[in-house]
PDB file of N, CA and C in Angstrom:
ATOM      1  N   MET A   1       9.714  23.086 -19.170  1.00  0.00           N
ATOM      2  CA  MET A   1       9.211  22.820 -17.835  1.00  0.00           C
ATOM      3  C   MET A   1       8.740  21.363 -17.771  1.00  0.00           C
ATOM      4  N   PRO A   2       9.252  20.604 -16.798  1.00  0.00           N
ATOM      5  CA  PRO A   2       8.849  19.208 -16.700  1.00  0.00           C
ATOM      6  C   PRO A   2       7.376  19.088 -16.313  1.00  0.00           C
ATOM      7  N   SER A   3       6.785  17.996 -16.772  1.00  0.00           N
ATOM      8  CA  SER A   3       5.374  17.777 -16.457  1.00  0.00           C
ATOM      9  C   SER A   3       5.230  17.411 -14.983  1.00  0.00           C
ATOM     10  N   PRO A   4       4.080  17.743 -14.353  1.00  0.00           N
ATOM     11  CA  PRO A   4       3.871  17.403 -12.936  1.00  0.00           C
ATOM     12  C   PRO A   4       3.945  15.908 -12.675  1.00  0.00           C
ATOM     13  N   ILE A   5       3.493  15.106 -13.630  1.00  0.00           N
ATOM     14  CA  ILE A   5       3.527  13.651 -13.443  1.00  0.00           C
ATOM     15  C   ILE A   5       4.966  13.160 -13.424  1.00  0.00           C
ATOM     16  N   ARG A   6       5.794  13.669 -14.327  1.00  0.00           N
ATOM     17  CA  ARG A   6       7.191  13.260 -14.376  1.00  0.00           C
ATOM     18  C   ARG A   6       7.913  13.706 -13.103  1.00  0.00           C
ATOM     19  N   THR A   7       7.632  14.921 -12.649  1.00  0.00           N
ATOM     20  CA  THR A   7       8.259  15.438 -11.436  1.00  0.00           C
ATOM     21  C   THR A   7       7.838  14.615 -10.225  1.00  0.00           C
ATOM     22  N   ARG A   8       6.560  14.299 -10.140  1.00  0.00           N
ATOM     23  CA  ARG A   8       6.054  13.480  -9.028  1.00  0.00           C
ATOM     24  C   ARG A   8       6.698  12.101  -9.055  1.00  0.00           C
ATOM     25  N   GLY A   9       6.821  11.516 -10.238  1.00  0.00           N
ATOM     26  CA  GLY A   9       7.454  10.198 -10.358  1.00  0.00           C
ATOM     27  C   GLY A   9       8.910  10.236  -9.931  1.00  0.00           C
ATOM     28  N   ALA A  10       9.608  11.306 -10.311  1.00  0.00           N
ATOM     29  CA  ALA A  10      11.010  11.445  -9.916  1.00  0.00           C
ATOM     30  C   ALA A  10      11.126  11.604  -8.400  1.00  0.00           C
ATOM     31  N   LEU A  11      10.233  12.377  -7.811  1.00  0.00           N
ATOM     32  CA  LEU A  11      10.249  12.574  -6.363  1.00  0.00           C
ATOM     33  C   LEU A  11       9.979  11.266  -5.630  1.00  0.00           C
ATOM     34  N   ILE A  12       9.030  10.501  -6.096  1.00  0.00           N
ATOM     35  CA  ILE A  12       8.735   9.201  -5.482  1.00  0.00           C
ATOM     36  C   ILE A  12       9.949   8.286  -5.593  1.00  0.00           C
ATOM     37  N   GLY A  13      10.595   8.292  -6.758  1.00  0.00           N
ATOM     38  CA  GLY A  13      11.792   7.472  -6.941  1.00  0.00           C
ATOM     39  C   GLY A  13      12.897   7.847  -5.974  1.00  0.00           C
ATOM     40  N   VAL A  14      13.093   9.140  -5.761  1.00  0.00           N
ATOM     41  CA  VAL A  14      14.119   9.602  -4.826  1.00  0.00           C
ATOM     42  C   VAL A  14      13.757   9.195  -3.401  1.00  0.00           C
ATOM     43  N   LEU A  15      12.497   9.361  -3.018  1.00  0.00           N
ATOM     44  CA  LEU A  15      12.076   8.973  -1.677  1.00  0.00           C
ATOM     45  C   LEU A  15      12.253   7.485  -1.425  1.00  0.00           C
ATOM     46  N   VAL A  16      11.906   6.677  -2.404  1.00  0.00           N
ATOM     47  CA  VAL A  16      12.084   5.225  -2.263  1.00  0.00           C
ATOM     48  C   VAL A  16      13.562   4.891  -2.117  1.00  0.00           C
ATOM     49  N   ALA A  17      14.396   5.532  -2.917  1.00  0.00           N
ATOM     50  CA  ALA A  17      15.833   5.270  -2.857  1.00  0.00           C
ATOM     51  C   ALA A  17      16.425   5.690  -1.517  1.00  0.00           C
ATOM     52  N   VAL A  18      15.933   6.788  -0.959  1.00  0.00           N
ATOM     53  CA  VAL A  18      16.465   7.278   0.309  1.00  0.00           C
ATOM     54  C   VAL A  18      15.905   6.494   1.488  1.00  0.00           C
ATOM     55  N   LEU A  19      14.627   6.169   1.468  1.00  0.00           N
ATOM     56  CA  LEU A  19      13.994   5.526   2.611  1.00  0.00           C
ATOM     57  C   LEU A  19      14.151   4.012   2.640  1.00  0.00           C
ATOM     58  N   SER A  20      14.361   3.380   1.519  1.00  0.00           N
ATOM     59  CA  SER A  20      14.483   1.917   1.487  1.00  0.00           C
ATOM     60  C   SER A  20      15.587   1.397   2.383  1.00  0.00           C
ATOM     61  N   PRO A  21      16.779   1.993   2.351  1.00  0.00           N
ATOM     62  CA  PRO A  21      17.809   1.487   3.265  1.00  0.00           C
ATOM     63  C   PRO A  21      17.428   1.648   4.726  1.00  0.00           C
ATOM     64  N   LEU A  22      16.682   2.686   5.055  1.00  0.00           N
ATOM     65  CA  LEU A  22      16.289   2.882   6.443  1.00  0.00           C
ATOM     66  C   LEU A  22      15.344   1.799   6.915  1.00  0.00           C
ATOM     67  N   THR A  23      14.404   1.422   6.098  1.00  0.00           N
ATOM     68  CA  THR A  23      13.465   0.383   6.498  1.00  0.00           C
ATOM     69  C   THR A  23      14.106  -0.993   6.428  1.00  0.00           C
ATOM     70  N   ALA A  24      15.098  -1.172   5.579  1.00  0.00           N
ATOM     71  CA  ALA A  24      15.772  -2.457   5.459  1.00  0.00           C
ATOM     72  C   ALA A  24      16.743  -2.677   6.609  1.00  0.00           C
ATOM     73  N   CYS A  25      17.114  -1.620   7.322  1.00  0.00           N
ATOM     74  CA  CYS A  25      18.103  -1.717   8.386  1.00  0.00           C
ATOM     75  C   CYS A  25      17.586  -2.457   9.611  1.00  0.00           C
ATOM     76  N   ASP A  26      16.334  -2.352   9.885  1.00  0.00           N
ATOM     77  CA  ASP A  26      15.793  -2.907  11.113  1.00  0.00           C
ATOM     78  C   ASP A  26      14.643  -3.853  10.783  1.00  0.00           C
ATOM     79  N   PRO A  27      14.943  -5.149  10.679  1.00  0.00           N
ATOM     80  CA  PRO A  27      13.876  -6.102  10.364  1.00  0.00           C
ATOM     81  C   PRO A  27      12.782  -6.070  11.426  1.00  0.00           C
ATOM     82  N   SER A  28      11.574  -6.334  11.019  1.00  0.00           N
ATOM     83  CA  SER A  28      10.454  -6.345  11.956  1.00  0.00           C
ATOM     84  C   SER A  28      10.566  -7.530  12.905  1.00  0.00           C
ATOM     85  N   CYS A  29       9.927  -7.378  14.052  1.00  0.00           N
ATOM     86  CA  CYS A  29       9.867  -8.489  15.006  1.00  0.00           C
ATOM     87  C   CYS A  29       9.132  -9.674  14.398  1.00  0.00           C
ATOM     88  N   GLN A  30       8.140  -9.399  13.580  1.00  0.00           N
ATOM     89  CA  GLN A  30       7.401 -10.476  12.925  1.00  0.00           C
ATOM     90  C   GLN A  30       8.338 -11.311  12.057  1.00  0.00           C
ATOM     91  N   ARG A  31       9.188 -10.642  11.306  1.00  0.00           N
ATOM     92  CA  ARG A  31      10.121 -11.346  10.417  1.00  0.00           C
ATOM     93  C   ARG A  31      11.151 -12.140  11.216  1.00  0.00           C
ATOM     94  N   VAL A  32      11.690 -11.517  12.265  1.00  0.00           N
ATOM     95  CA  VAL A  32      12.685 -12.190  13.104  1.00  0.00           C
ATOM     96  C   VAL A  32      12.075 -13.421  13.766  1.00  0.00           C
ATOM     97  N   CYS A  33      10.888 -13.256  14.320  1.00  0.00           N
ATOM     98  CA  CYS A  33      10.248 -14.366  15.023  1.00  0.00           C
ATOM     99  C   CYS A  33       9.807 -15.472  14.078  1.00  0.00           C
ATOM    100  N   ARG A  34       9.385 -15.098  12.889  1.00  0.00           N
ATOM    101  CA  ARG A  34       9.013 -16.125  11.907  1.00  0.00           C
ATOM    102  C   ARG A  34      10.216 -17.028  11.632  1.00  0.00           C
ATOM    103  N   LYS A  35      11.394 -16.407  11.526  1.00  0.00           N
ATOM    104  CA  LYS A  35      12.580 -17.210  11.266  1.00  0.00           C
ATOM    105  C   LYS A  35      12.939 -18.057  12.486  1.00  0.00           C
ATOM    106  N   LEU A  36      12.977 -17.443  13.660  1.00  0.00           N
ATOM    107  CA  LEU A  36      13.387 -18.173  14.861  1.00  0.00           C
ATOM    108  C   LEU A  36      12.425 -19.287  15.233  1.00  0.00           C
ATOM    109  N   VAL A  37      11.138 -19.022  15.131  1.00  0.00           N
ATOM    110  CA  VAL A  37      10.140 -19.985  15.606  1.00  0.00           C
ATOM    111  C   VAL A  37       9.753 -20.992  14.536  1.00  0.00           C
ATOM    112  N   ASN A  38       9.607 -20.540  13.304  1.00  0.00           N
ATOM    113  CA  ASN A  38       9.051 -21.408  12.272  1.00  0.00           C
ATOM    114  C   ASN A  38      10.066 -21.988  11.295  1.00  0.00           C
ATOM    115  N   GLU A  39      11.147 -21.273  11.036  1.00  0.00           N
ATOM    116  CA  GLU A  39      12.080 -21.731  10.010  1.00  0.00           C
ATOM    117  C   GLU A  39      13.285 -22.463  10.578  1.00  0.00           C
ATOM    118  N   CYS A  40      13.757 -22.051  11.730  1.00  0.00           N
ATOM    119  CA  CYS A  40      14.965 -22.645  12.317  1.00  0.00           C
ATOM    120  C   CYS A  40      14.570 -23.629  13.405  1.00  0.00           C
ATOM    121  N   GLU A  41      14.344 -24.851  13.020  1.00  0.00           N
ATOM    122  CA  GLU A  41      13.858 -25.858  13.954  1.00  0.00           C
ATOM    123  C   GLU A  41      14.848 -26.171  15.065  1.00  0.00           C
ATOM    124  N   GLY A  42      16.135 -25.997  14.814  1.00  0.00           N
ATOM    125  CA  GLY A  42      17.148 -26.318  15.818  1.00  0.00           C
ATOM    126  C   GLY A  42      17.383 -25.218  16.829  1.00  0.00           C
ATOM    127  N   VAL A  43      16.853 -24.026  16.589  1.00  0.00           N
ATOM    128  CA  VAL A  43      17.008 -22.934  17.546  1.00  0.00           C
ATOM    129  C   VAL A  43      16.007 -23.158  18.665  1.00  0.00           C
ATOM    130  N   GLU A  44      16.506 -23.178  19.894  1.00  0.00           N
ATOM    131  CA  GLU A  44      15.633 -23.465  21.030  1.00  0.00           C
ATOM    132  C   GLU A  44      14.794 -22.238  21.380  1.00  0.00           C
ATOM    133  N   THR A  45      13.505 -22.368  21.216  1.00  0.00           N
ATOM    134  CA  THR A  45      12.536 -21.357  21.644  1.00  0.00           C
ATOM    135  C   THR A  45      11.411 -22.094  22.366  1.00  0.00           C
ATOM    136  N   PRO A  46      11.753 -22.796  23.462  1.00  0.00           N
ATOM    137  CA  PRO A  46      10.789 -23.698  24.094  1.00  0.00           C
ATOM    138  C   PRO A  46       9.538 -23.017  24.625  1.00  0.00           C
ATOM    139  N   ARG A  47       9.642 -21.780  25.051  1.00  0.00           N
ATOM    140  CA  ARG A  47       8.477 -21.136  25.649  1.00  0.00           C
ATOM    141  C   ARG A  47       7.753 -20.220  24.684  1.00  0.00           C
ATOM    142  N   LEU A  48       8.259 -20.087  23.472  1.00  0.00           N
ATOM    143  CA  LEU A  48       7.715 -19.081  22.576  1.00  0.00           C
ATOM    144  C   LEU A  48       7.049 -19.661  21.338  1.00  0.00           C
ATOM    145  N   GLY A  49       5.875 -19.174  21.065  1.00  0.00           N
ATOM    146  CA  GLY A  49       5.249 -19.360  19.776  1.00  0.00           C
ATOM    147  C   GLY A  49       5.446 -18.063  19.009  1.00  0.00           C
ATOM    148  N   GLN A  50       4.960 -18.003  17.809  1.00  0.00           N
ATOM    149  CA  GLN A  50       5.121 -16.816  16.963  1.00  0.00           C
ATOM    150  C   GLN A  50       4.587 -15.551  17.650  1.00  0.00           C
ATOM    151  N   GLU A  51       3.369 -15.603  18.165  1.00  0.00           N
ATOM    152  CA  GLU A  51       2.759 -14.412  18.775  1.00  0.00           C
ATOM    153  C   GLU A  51       3.504 -13.968  20.029  1.00  0.00           C
ATOM    154  N   ASP A  52       3.882 -14.932  20.869  1.00  0.00           N
ATOM    155  CA  ASP A  52       4.631 -14.589  22.082  1.00  0.00           C
ATOM    156  C   ASP A  52       5.981 -13.973  21.732  1.00  0.00           C
ATOM    157  N   CYS A  53       6.638 -14.559  20.780  1.00  0.00           N
ATOM    158  CA  CYS A  53       7.935 -14.064  20.345  1.00  0.00           C
ATOM    159  C   CYS A  53       7.828 -12.611  19.878  1.00  0.00           C
ATOM    160  N   GLU A  54       6.839 -12.328  19.048  1.00  0.00           N
ATOM    161  CA  GLU A  54       6.647 -10.964  18.549  1.00  0.00           C
ATOM    162  C   GLU A  54       6.354  -9.999  19.684  1.00  0.00           C
ATOM    163  N   ALA A  55       5.535 -10.423  20.632  1.00  0.00           N
ATOM    164  CA  ALA A  55       5.207  -9.548  21.760  1.00  0.00           C
ATOM    165  C   ALA A  55       6.454  -9.227  22.580  1.00  0.00           C
ATOM    166  N   TRP A  56       7.266 -10.241  22.891  1.00  0.00           N
ATOM    167  CA  TRP A  56       8.501 -10.017  23.649  1.00  0.00           C
ATOM    168  C   TRP A  56       9.452  -9.109  22.875  1.00  0.00           C
ATOM    169  N   CYS A  57       9.583  -9.357  21.607  1.00  0.00           N
ATOM    170  CA  CYS A  57      10.475  -8.564  20.759  1.00  0.00           C
ATOM    171  C   CYS A  57      10.019  -7.101  20.725  1.00  0.00           C
ATOM    172  N   ASN A  58       8.746  -6.877  20.478  1.00  0.00           N
ATOM    173  CA  ASN A  58       8.218  -5.509  20.440  1.00  0.00           C
ATOM    174  C   ASN A  58       8.352  -4.816  21.789  1.00  0.00           C
ATOM    175  N   ASN A  59       8.111  -5.554  22.873  1.00  0.00           N
ATOM    176  CA  ASN A  59       8.267  -4.978  24.213  1.00  0.00           C
ATOM    177  C   ASN A  59       9.713  -4.581  24.481  1.00  0.00           C
ATOM    178  N   GLN A  60      10.635  -5.410  24.033  1.00  0.00           N
ATOM    179  CA  GLN A  60      12.045  -5.107  24.238  1.00  0.00           C
ATOM    180  C   GLN A  60      12.436  -3.844  23.464  1.00  0.00           C
ATOM    181  N   GLU A  61      11.983  -3.728  22.230  1.00  0.00           N
ATOM    182  CA  GLU A  61      12.249  -2.514  21.452  1.00  0.00           C
ATOM    183  C   GLU A  61      11.672  -1.285  22.143  1.00  0.00           C
ATOM    184  N   ALA A  62      10.447  -1.393  22.609  1.00  0.00           N
ATOM    185  CA  ALA A  62       9.786  -0.266  23.259  1.00  0.00           C
ATOM    186  C   ALA A  62      10.521   0.142  24.534  1.00  0.00           C
ATOM    187  N   LEU A  63      11.017  -0.839  25.278  1.00  0.00           N
ATOM    188  CA  LEU A  63      11.752  -0.554  26.504  1.00  0.00           C
ATOM    189  C   LEU A  63      13.026   0.229  26.195  1.00  0.00           C
ATOM    190  N   TYR A  64      13.782  -0.222  25.192  1.00  0.00           N
ATOM    191  CA  TYR A  64      15.011   0.493  24.829  1.00  0.00           C
ATOM    192  C   TYR A  64      14.698   1.901  24.345  1.00  0.00           C
ATOM    193  N   ASP A  65      13.603   2.054  23.621  1.00  0.00           N
ATOM    194  CA  ASP A  65      13.195   3.379  23.170  1.00  0.00           C
ATOM    195  C   ASP A  65      12.802   4.249  24.363  1.00  0.00           C
ATOM    196  N   GLU A  66      12.079   3.660  25.319  1.00  0.00           N
ATOM    197  CA  GLU A  66      11.652   4.400  26.509  1.00  0.00           C
ATOM    198  C   GLU A  66      12.858   4.862  27.318  1.00  0.00           C
ATOM    199  N   TRP A  67      13.864   4.025  27.392  1.00  0.00           N
ATOM    200  CA  TRP A  67      15.086   4.372  28.120  1.00  0.00           C
ATOM    201  C   TRP A  67      15.947   5.377  27.352  1.00  0.00           C
ATOM    202  N   ASN A  68      15.609   5.607  26.097  1.00  0.00           N
ATOM    203  CA  ASN A  68      16.443   6.441  25.219  1.00  0.00           C
ATOM    204  C   ASN A  68      17.870   5.898  25.143  1.00  0.00           C
ATOM    205  N   ASP A  69      17.973   4.583  25.186  1.00  0.00           N
ATOM    206  CA  ASP A  69      19.284   3.932  25.133  1.00  0.00           C
ATOM    207  C   ASP A  69      19.609   3.595  23.689  1.00  0.00           C
ATOM    208  N   THR A  70      20.280   4.498  23.025  1.00  0.00           N
ATOM    209  CA  THR A  70      20.565   4.313  21.603  1.00  0.00           C
ATOM    210  C   THR A  70      21.519   3.149  21.360  1.00  0.00           C
ATOM    211  N   GLN A  71      22.409   2.880  22.310  1.00  0.00           N
ATOM    212  CA  GLN A  71      23.349   1.773  22.109  1.00  0.00           C
ATOM    213  C   GLN A  71      22.631   0.425  22.181  1.00  0.00           C
ATOM    214  N   LEU A  72      21.789   0.237  23.192  1.00  0.00           N
ATOM    215  CA  LEU A  72      21.033  -1.019  23.273  1.00  0.00           C
ATOM    216  C   LEU A  72      20.096  -1.171  22.082  1.00  0.00           C
ATOM    217  N   ARG A  73      19.483  -0.076  21.664  1.00  0.00           N
ATOM    218  CA  ARG A  73      18.581  -0.126  20.508  1.00  0.00           C
ATOM    219  C   ARG A  73      19.354  -0.517  19.253  1.00  0.00           C
ATOM    220  N   ALA A  74      20.553   0.049  19.083  1.00  0.00           N
ATOM    221  CA  ALA A  74      21.392  -0.292  17.926  1.00  0.00           C
ATOM    222  C   ALA A  74      21.844  -1.756  18.005  1.00  0.00           C
ATOM    223  N   ASP A  75      22.226  -2.205  19.210  1.00  0.00           N
ATOM    224  CA  ASP A  75      22.636  -3.601  19.383  1.00  0.00           C
ATOM    225  C   ASP A  75      21.481  -4.554  19.084  1.00  0.00           C
ATOM    226  N   PHE A  76      20.280  -4.178  19.504  1.00  0.00           N
ATOM    227  CA  PHE A  76      19.112  -5.014  19.250  1.00  0.00           C
ATOM    228  C   PHE A  76      18.806  -5.058  17.751  1.00  0.00           C
ATOM    229  N   SER A  77      18.961  -3.933  17.097  1.00  0.00           N
ATOM    230  CA  SER A  77      18.778  -3.884  15.645  1.00  0.00           C
ATOM    231  C   SER A  77      19.802  -4.787  14.949  1.00  0.00           C
ATOM    232  N   ASP A  78      21.058  -4.733  15.415  1.00  0.00           N
ATOM    233  CA  ASP A  78      22.101  -5.602  14.857  1.00  0.00           C
ATOM    234  C   ASP A  78      21.749  -7.071  15.059  1.00  0.00           C
ATOM    235  N   TYR A  79      21.208  -7.388  16.255  1.00  0.00           N
ATOM    236  CA  TYR A  79      20.805  -8.762  16.546  1.00  0.00           C
ATOM    237  C   TYR A  79      19.725  -9.218  15.562  1.00  0.00           C
ATOM    238  N   LYS A  80      18.725  -8.380  15.348  1.00  0.00           N
ATOM    239  CA  LYS A  80      17.642  -8.743  14.436  1.00  0.00           C
ATOM    240  C   LYS A  80      18.156  -8.891  13.008  1.00  0.00           C
ATOM    241  N   GLN A  81      19.063  -8.019  12.599  1.00  0.00           N
ATOM    242  CA  GLN A  81      19.657  -8.140  11.264  1.00  0.00           C
ATOM    243  C   GLN A  81      20.422  -9.452  11.138  1.00  0.00           C
ATOM    244  N   CYS A  82      21.135  -9.802  12.190  1.00  0.00           N
ATOM    245  CA  CYS A  82      21.895 -11.051  12.190  1.00  0.00           C
ATOM    246  C   CYS A  82      20.970 -12.250  12.033  1.00  0.00           C
ATOM    247  N   VAL A  83      19.907 -12.277  12.814  1.00  0.00           N
ATOM    248  CA  VAL A  83      18.964 -13.402  12.752  1.00  0.00           C
ATOM    249  C   VAL A  83      18.398 -13.543  11.346  1.00  0.00           C
ATOM    250  N   VAL A  84      17.991 -12.450  10.757  1.00  0.00           N
ATOM    251  CA  VAL A  84      17.395 -12.495   9.427  1.00  0.00           C
ATOM    252  C   VAL A  84      18.435 -12.867   8.371  1.00  0.00           C
ATOM    253  N   GLY A  85      19.667 -12.424   8.566  1.00  0.00           N
ATOM    254  CA  GLY A  85      20.695 -12.625   7.551  1.00  0.00           C
ATOM    255  C   GLY A  85      21.465 -13.929   7.637  1.00  0.00           C
ATOM    256  N   GLU A  86      21.517 -14.538   8.808  1.00  0.00           N
ATOM    257  CA  GLU A  86      22.314 -15.754   8.999  1.00  0.00           C
ATOM    258  C   GLU A  86      21.515 -17.010   8.667  1.00  0.00           C
ATOM    259  N   GLU A  87      22.243 -18.049   8.361  1.00  0.00           N
ATOM    260  CA  GLU A  87      21.648 -19.369   8.176  1.00  0.00           C
ATOM    261  C   GLU A  87      21.264 -19.920   9.551  1.00  0.00           C
ATOM    262  N   CYS A  88      20.277 -20.777   9.570  1.00  0.00           N
ATOM    263  CA  CYS A  88      19.804 -21.348  10.831  1.00  0.00           C
ATOM    264  C   CYS A  88      20.927 -22.047  11.598  1.00  0.00           C
ATOM    265  N   GLY A  89      21.778 -22.765  10.912  1.00  0.00           N
ATOM    266  CA  GLY A  89      22.878 -23.461  11.574  1.00  0.00           C
ATOM    267  C   GLY A  89      23.804 -22.505  12.299  1.00  0.00           C
ATOM    268  N   ALA A  90      24.086 -21.378  11.698  1.00  0.00           N
ATOM    269  CA  ALA A  90      24.952 -20.379  12.324  1.00  0.00           C
ATOM    270  C   ALA A  90      24.279 -19.771  13.547  1.00  0.00           C
ATOM    271  N   ILE A  91      22.970 -19.559  13.456  1.00  0.00           N
ATOM    272  CA  ILE A  91      22.228 -19.030  14.611  1.00  0.00           C
ATOM    273  C   ILE A  91      22.268 -20.038  15.752  1.00  0.00           C
ATOM    274  N   GLU A  92      22.083 -21.312  15.425  1.00  0.00           N
ATOM    275  CA  GLU A  92      22.129 -22.369  16.436  1.00  0.00           C
ATOM    276  C   GLU A  92      23.486 -22.412  17.125  1.00  0.00           C
ATOM    277  N   GLU A  93      24.547 -22.105  16.384  1.00  0.00           N
ATOM    278  CA  GLU A  93      25.898 -22.132  16.939  1.00  0.00           C
ATOM    279  C   GLU A  93      26.265 -20.848  17.670  1.00  0.00           C
ATOM    280  N   GLY A  94      25.352 -19.877  17.688  1.00  0.00           N
ATOM    281  CA  GLY A  94      25.585 -18.662  18.471  1.00  0.00           C
ATOM    282  C   GLY A  94      26.081 -17.463  17.683  1.00  0.00           C
ATOM    283  N   ALA A  95      25.943 -17.483  16.359  1.00  0.00           N
ATOM    284  CA  ALA A  95      26.450 -16.382  15.538  1.00  0.00           C
ATOM    285  C   ALA A  95      25.843 -15.037  15.922  1.00  0.00           C
ATOM    286  N   CYS A  96      24.632 -15.015  16.420  1.00  0.00           N
ATOM    287  CA  CYS A  96      23.953 -13.754  16.738  1.00  0.00           C
ATOM    288  C   CYS A  96      23.953 -13.453  18.229  1.00  0.00           C
ATOM    289  N   TYR A  97      24.594 -14.302  19.007  1.00  0.00           N
ATOM    290  CA  TYR A  97      24.585 -14.137  20.453  1.00  0.00           C
ATOM    291  C   TYR A  97      25.365 -12.891  20.862  1.00  0.00           C
ATOM    292  N   ASP A  98      24.816 -12.122  21.796  1.00  0.00           N
ATOM    293  CA  ASP A  98      25.467 -10.956  22.366  1.00  0.00           C
ATOM    294  C   ASP A  98      25.226 -11.027  23.864  1.00  0.00           C
ATOM    295  N   GLU A  99      26.283 -11.238  24.633  1.00  0.00           N
ATOM    296  CA  GLU A  99      26.127 -11.431  26.078  1.00  0.00           C
ATOM    297  C   GLU A  99      25.592 -10.185  26.779  1.00  0.00           C
ATOM    298  N   ASP A 100      25.732  -9.021  26.178  1.00  0.00           N
ATOM    299  CA  ASP A 100      25.239  -7.783  26.788  1.00  0.00           C
ATOM    300  C   ASP A 100      23.786  -7.488  26.436  1.00  0.00           C
ATOM    301  N   LEU A 101      23.200  -8.332  25.620  1.00  0.00           N
ATOM    302  CA  LEU A 101      21.844  -8.080  25.128  1.00  0.00           C
ATOM    303  C   LEU A 101      20.939  -9.220  25.538  1.00  0.00           C
ATOM    304  N   TYR A 102      19.834  -8.891  26.164  1.00  0.00           N
ATOM    305  CA  TYR A 102      18.840  -9.910  26.478  1.00  0.00           C
ATOM    306  C   TYR A 102      17.958 -10.079  25.258  1.00  0.00           C
ATOM    307  N   ALA A 103      18.136 -11.189  24.598  1.00  0.00           N
ATOM    308  CA  ALA A 103      17.318 -11.467  23.402  1.00  0.00           C
ATOM    309  C   ALA A 103      16.146 -12.329  23.824  1.00  0.00           C
ATOM    310  N   PHE A 104      15.000 -11.729  23.887  1.00  0.00           N
ATOM    311  CA  PHE A 104      13.742 -12.335  24.283  1.00  0.00           C
ATOM    312  C   PHE A 104      13.782 -13.813  24.126  1.00  0.00           C
TER     313      PHE A 104
END
């Protein structure tokens, strides 16, 4: 019979393995905005500071959730993944642009 500590450790390992991809799929608004506002100097965010950017981003997510619009929510998630994953130069050139999505 396995020890409770070993079983608990195995269960935690399985949960981390299963849940990690889920949390990695949708970058936080804080992370996206940190990149857009603070790291990518060439990306135009004339009206946004870090806090404003996060507020707009979170509001946009909440709106899509309120509408139960899974396609817009998925597109917004893809946009955030793109921003986090792309180089600043590619973002400046429009690599993450989606004409059907209003990106705060």
